[in-house]
Amino acid sequence: HGAEHRRVAWATCDVCDADSLASACPQGLADLVVDKGMLDCAIVEHDAARLLCNVRSWLLSPRGVYVVVSFRKPELLVPVLSCPELGWEVRHTALRLPGVEQQASVCVMRRAEAAAGGRAPHE
């Protein structure tokens, strides 16, 4: 599995800051972004819109998938992720964990045109 690990590159940046993000990685680099806590922090800091726009417009490849795992209530989470300007198809699944009273949310987003089998505008 050594060859597989050579394909992984780690970068540190502020995803809410477009300049920081652009200096850390090339546009469209990620086919998959898994978020466990990043959006939650951005919501608290009132940076959710900037984070989501940067994930969609810079991080994700045209067919990329953004997965958010959160303990926020789906009534808050799904509308934020379903913002029409993002153009995402959003699928929400409740995740019940044994011994944990509050359920988690798993939201999977992809560009609507990619989810429908179409080509993204800048492909």
C-alpha atoms as a PDB file:
ATOM      1  CA  HIS A   1       0.000   0.000   0.000  1.00  0.00           C
ATOM      2  CA  GLY A   2       2.984   2.328  -0.209  1.00  0.00           C
ATOM      3  CA  ALA A   3       2.168   3.350  -3.787  1.00  0.00           C
ATOM      4  CA  GLU A   4      -1.349   4.399  -2.785  1.00  0.00           C
ATOM      5  CA  HIS A   5      -0.050   6.681  -0.021  1.00  0.00           C
ATOM      6  CA  ARG A   6       2.203   8.540  -2.460  1.00  0.00           C
ATOM      7  CA  ARG A   7      -0.943   9.884  -4.126  1.00  0.00           C
ATOM      8  CA  VAL A   8      -2.048  11.633  -0.920  1.00  0.00           C
ATOM      9  CA  ALA A   9      -0.839  15.177  -0.351  1.00  0.00           C
ATOM     10  CA  TRP A  10      -1.547  17.037   2.891  1.00  0.00           C
ATOM     11  CA  ALA A  11      -2.067  20.782   2.908  1.00  0.00           C
ATOM     12  CA  THR A  12      -3.046  23.158   5.688  1.00  0.00           C
ATOM     13  CA  CYS A  13      -5.055  26.288   4.991  1.00  0.00           C
ATOM     14  CA  ASP A  14      -8.106  28.286   6.008  1.00  0.00           C
ATOM     15  CA  VAL A  15     -10.849  26.933   3.731  1.00  0.00           C
ATOM     16  CA  CYS A  16     -12.955  30.029   4.466  1.00  0.00           C
ATOM     17  CA  ASP A  17     -10.188  32.219   2.999  1.00  0.00           C
ATOM     18  CA  ALA A  18     -10.020  31.969  -0.799  1.00  0.00           C
ATOM     19  CA  ASP A  19      -6.417  33.252  -0.958  1.00  0.00           C
ATOM     20  CA  SER A  20      -5.232  30.735   1.635  1.00  0.00           C
ATOM     21  CA  LEU A  21      -7.051  27.953  -0.187  1.00  0.00           C
ATOM     22  CA  ALA A  22      -5.647  28.939  -3.581  1.00  0.00           C
ATOM     23  CA  SER A  23      -2.088  28.947  -2.210  1.00  0.00           C
ATOM     24  CA  ALA A  24      -2.525  25.482  -0.651  1.00  0.00           C
ATOM     25  CA  CYS A  25      -3.953  23.490  -3.554  1.00  0.00           C
ATOM     26  CA  PRO A  26      -4.901  23.702  -7.218  1.00  0.00           C
ATOM     27  CA  GLN A  27      -8.517  24.327  -8.188  1.00  0.00           C
ATOM     28  CA  GLY A  28     -10.717  21.249  -8.613  1.00  0.00           C
ATOM     29  CA  LEU A  29      -8.287  18.993  -6.774  1.00  0.00           C
ATOM     30  CA  ALA A  30     -10.736  16.963  -4.674  1.00  0.00           C
ATOM     31  CA  ASP A  31     -13.069  14.248  -5.848  1.00  0.00           C
ATOM     32  CA  LEU A  32     -14.178  13.815  -2.241  1.00  0.00           C
ATOM     33  CA  VAL A  33     -14.266  16.227   0.704  1.00  0.00           C
ATOM     34  CA  VAL A  34     -15.304  14.732   4.052  1.00  0.00           C
ATOM     35  CA  ASP A  35     -16.277  17.356   6.615  1.00  0.00           C
ATOM     36  CA  LYS A  36     -16.585  16.376  10.274  1.00  0.00           C
ATOM     37  CA  GLY A  37     -16.736  19.645  12.127  1.00  0.00           C
ATOM     38  CA  MET A  38     -15.523  22.201   9.590  1.00  0.00           C
ATOM     39  CA  LEU A  39     -19.014  23.403   8.621  1.00  0.00           C
ATOM     40  CA  ASP A  40     -20.123  23.329  12.268  1.00  0.00           C
ATOM     41  CA  CYS A  41     -17.265  25.687  13.174  1.00  0.00           C
ATOM     42  CA  ALA A  42     -17.964  27.925  10.176  1.00  0.00           C
ATOM     43  CA  ILE A  43     -21.625  28.225  11.207  1.00  0.00           C
ATOM     44  CA  VAL A  44     -20.589  29.361  14.698  1.00  0.00           C
ATOM     45  CA  GLU A  45     -18.119  31.870  13.202  1.00  0.00           C
ATOM     46  CA  HIS A  46     -20.680  33.125  10.634  1.00  0.00           C
ATOM     47  CA  ASP A  47     -18.462  31.883   7.781  1.00  0.00           C
ATOM     48  CA  ALA A  48     -20.681  29.083   6.448  1.00  0.00           C
ATOM     49  CA  ALA A  49     -21.475  30.813   3.146  1.00  0.00           C
ATOM     50  CA  ARG A  50     -17.815  31.489   2.414  1.00  0.00           C
ATOM     51  CA  LEU A  51     -16.831  27.925   3.346  1.00  0.00           C
ATOM     52  CA  LEU A  52     -19.518  26.325   1.182  1.00  0.00           C
ATOM     53  CA  CYS A  53     -18.757  28.552  -1.813  1.00  0.00           C
ATOM     54  CA  ASN A  54     -15.026  27.781  -1.540  1.00  0.00           C
ATOM     55  CA  VAL A  55     -15.621  24.040  -1.251  1.00  0.00           C
ATOM     56  CA  ARG A  56     -17.865  24.089  -4.308  1.00  0.00           C
ATOM     57  CA  SER A  57     -15.963  26.534  -6.502  1.00  0.00           C
ATOM     58  CA  TRP A  58     -12.354  25.730  -5.558  1.00  0.00           C
ATOM     59  CA  LEU A  59     -11.879  22.409  -3.781  1.00  0.00           C
ATOM     60  CA  LEU A  60     -14.260  20.055  -5.556  1.00  0.00           C
ATOM     61  CA  SER A  61     -13.639  18.638  -8.996  1.00  0.00           C
ATOM     62  CA  PRO A  62     -16.622  19.014 -11.383  1.00  0.00           C
ATOM     63  CA  ARG A  63     -17.946  15.603 -10.327  1.00  0.00           C
ATOM     64  CA  GLY A  64     -16.688  15.896  -6.745  1.00  0.00           C
ATOM     65  CA  VAL A  65     -18.715  14.902  -3.689  1.00  0.00           C
ATOM     66  CA  TYR A  66     -18.900  16.830  -0.408  1.00  0.00           C
ATOM     67  CA  VAL A  67     -19.912  14.794   2.660  1.00  0.00           C
ATOM     68  CA  VAL A  68     -20.853  16.542   5.907  1.00  0.00           C
ATOM     69  CA  VAL A  69     -21.215  14.634   9.172  1.00  0.00           C
ATOM     70  CA  SER A  70     -22.771  16.793  11.883  1.00  0.00           C
ATOM     71  CA  PHE A  71     -24.759  16.683  15.094  1.00  0.00           C
ATOM     72  CA  ARG A  72     -26.640  19.828  14.031  1.00  0.00           C
ATOM     73  CA  LYS A  73     -30.352  19.365  13.545  1.00  0.00           C
ATOM     74  CA  PRO A  74     -31.300  18.536   9.946  1.00  0.00           C
ATOM     75  CA  GLU A  75     -33.833  21.409  10.033  1.00  0.00           C
ATOM     76  CA  LEU A  76     -30.837  23.790  10.122  1.00  0.00           C
ATOM     77  CA  LEU A  77     -28.299  21.818   8.143  1.00  0.00           C
ATOM     78  CA  VAL A  78     -30.282  20.804   5.052  1.00  0.00           C
ATOM     79  CA  PRO A  79     -31.555  24.331   4.190  1.00  0.00           C
ATOM     80  CA  VAL A  80     -28.035  25.764   4.505  1.00  0.00           C
ATOM     81  CA  LEU A  81     -26.635  23.097   2.180  1.00  0.00           C
ATOM     82  CA  SER A  82     -29.594  23.403  -0.215  1.00  0.00           C
ATOM     83  CA  CYS A  83     -28.969  27.093  -0.952  1.00  0.00           C
ATOM     84  CA  PRO A  84     -29.949  27.512  -4.652  1.00  0.00           C
ATOM     85  CA  GLU A  85     -26.776  29.484  -5.407  1.00  0.00           C
ATOM     86  CA  LEU A  86     -24.687  26.395  -4.609  1.00  0.00           C
ATOM     87  CA  GLY A  87     -26.557  24.287  -7.158  1.00  0.00           C
ATOM     88  CA  TRP A  88     -26.152  21.087  -5.171  1.00  0.00           C
ATOM     89  CA  GLU A  89     -28.258  17.980  -4.952  1.00  0.00           C
ATOM     90  CA  VAL A  90     -28.439  17.259  -1.206  1.00  0.00           C
ATOM     91  CA  ARG A  91     -29.147  13.848   0.273  1.00  0.00           C
ATOM     92  CA  HIS A  92     -29.655  13.647   4.017  1.00  0.00           C
ATOM     93  CA  THR A  93     -29.466  10.492   6.113  1.00  0.00           C
ATOM     94  CA  ALA A  94     -30.063  10.308   9.853  1.00  0.00           C
ATOM     95  CA  LEU A  95     -27.354   8.364  11.626  1.00  0.00           C
ATOM     96  CA  ARG A  96     -28.368   6.793  14.917  1.00  0.00           C
ATOM     97  CA  LEU A  97     -25.433   5.838  17.088  1.00  0.00           C
ATOM     98  CA  PRO A  98     -25.758   3.245  19.859  1.00  0.00           C
ATOM     99  CA  GLY A  99     -25.687   4.832  23.283  1.00  0.00           C
ATOM    100  CA  VAL A 100     -25.984   8.380  21.900  1.00  0.00           C
ATOM    101  CA  GLU A 101     -29.302  10.129  22.416  1.00  0.00           C
ATOM    102  CA  GLN A 102     -28.876  12.721  19.665  1.00  0.00           C
ATOM    103  CA  GLN A 103     -28.769  11.472  16.092  1.00  0.00           C
ATOM    104  CA  ALA A 104     -26.130  12.670  13.669  1.00  0.00           C
ATOM    105  CA  SER A 105     -26.749  13.863  10.143  1.00  0.00           C
ATOM    106  CA  VAL A 106     -24.850  12.679   7.109  1.00  0.00           C
ATOM    107  CA  CYS A 107     -25.392  14.939   4.107  1.00  0.00           C
ATOM    108  CA  VAL A 108     -23.972  14.092   0.702  1.00  0.00           C
ATOM    109  CA  MET A 109     -23.771  16.884  -1.864  1.00  0.00           C
ATOM    110  CA  ARG A 110     -22.813  16.883  -5.505  1.00  0.00           C
ATOM    111  CA  ARG A 111     -23.390  19.411  -8.243  1.00  0.00           C
ATOM    112  CA  ALA A 112     -26.927  19.033  -9.548  1.00  0.00           C
ATOM    113  CA  GLU A 113     -25.765  18.684 -13.153  1.00  0.00           C
ATOM    114  CA  ALA A 114     -23.284  15.942 -12.158  1.00  0.00           C
ATOM    115  CA  ALA A 115     -25.902  14.149 -10.074  1.00  0.00           C
ATOM    116  CA  ALA A 116     -28.248  14.210 -13.075  1.00  0.00           C
ATOM    117  CA  GLY A 117     -25.547  12.758 -15.327  1.00  0.00           C
ATOM    118  CA  GLY A 118     -24.907  16.036 -17.148  1.00  0.00           C
ATOM    119  CA  ARG A 119     -21.614  17.781 -17.584  1.00  0.00           C
ATOM    120  CA  ALA A 120     -20.578  20.620 -15.344  1.00  0.00           C
ATOM    121  CA  PRO A 121     -20.362  23.982 -17.164  1.00  0.00           C
ATOM    122  CA  HIS A 122     -16.562  24.291 -16.901  1.00  0.00           C
ATOM    123  CA  GLU A 123     -15.683  20.672 -17.788  1.00  0.00           C
END
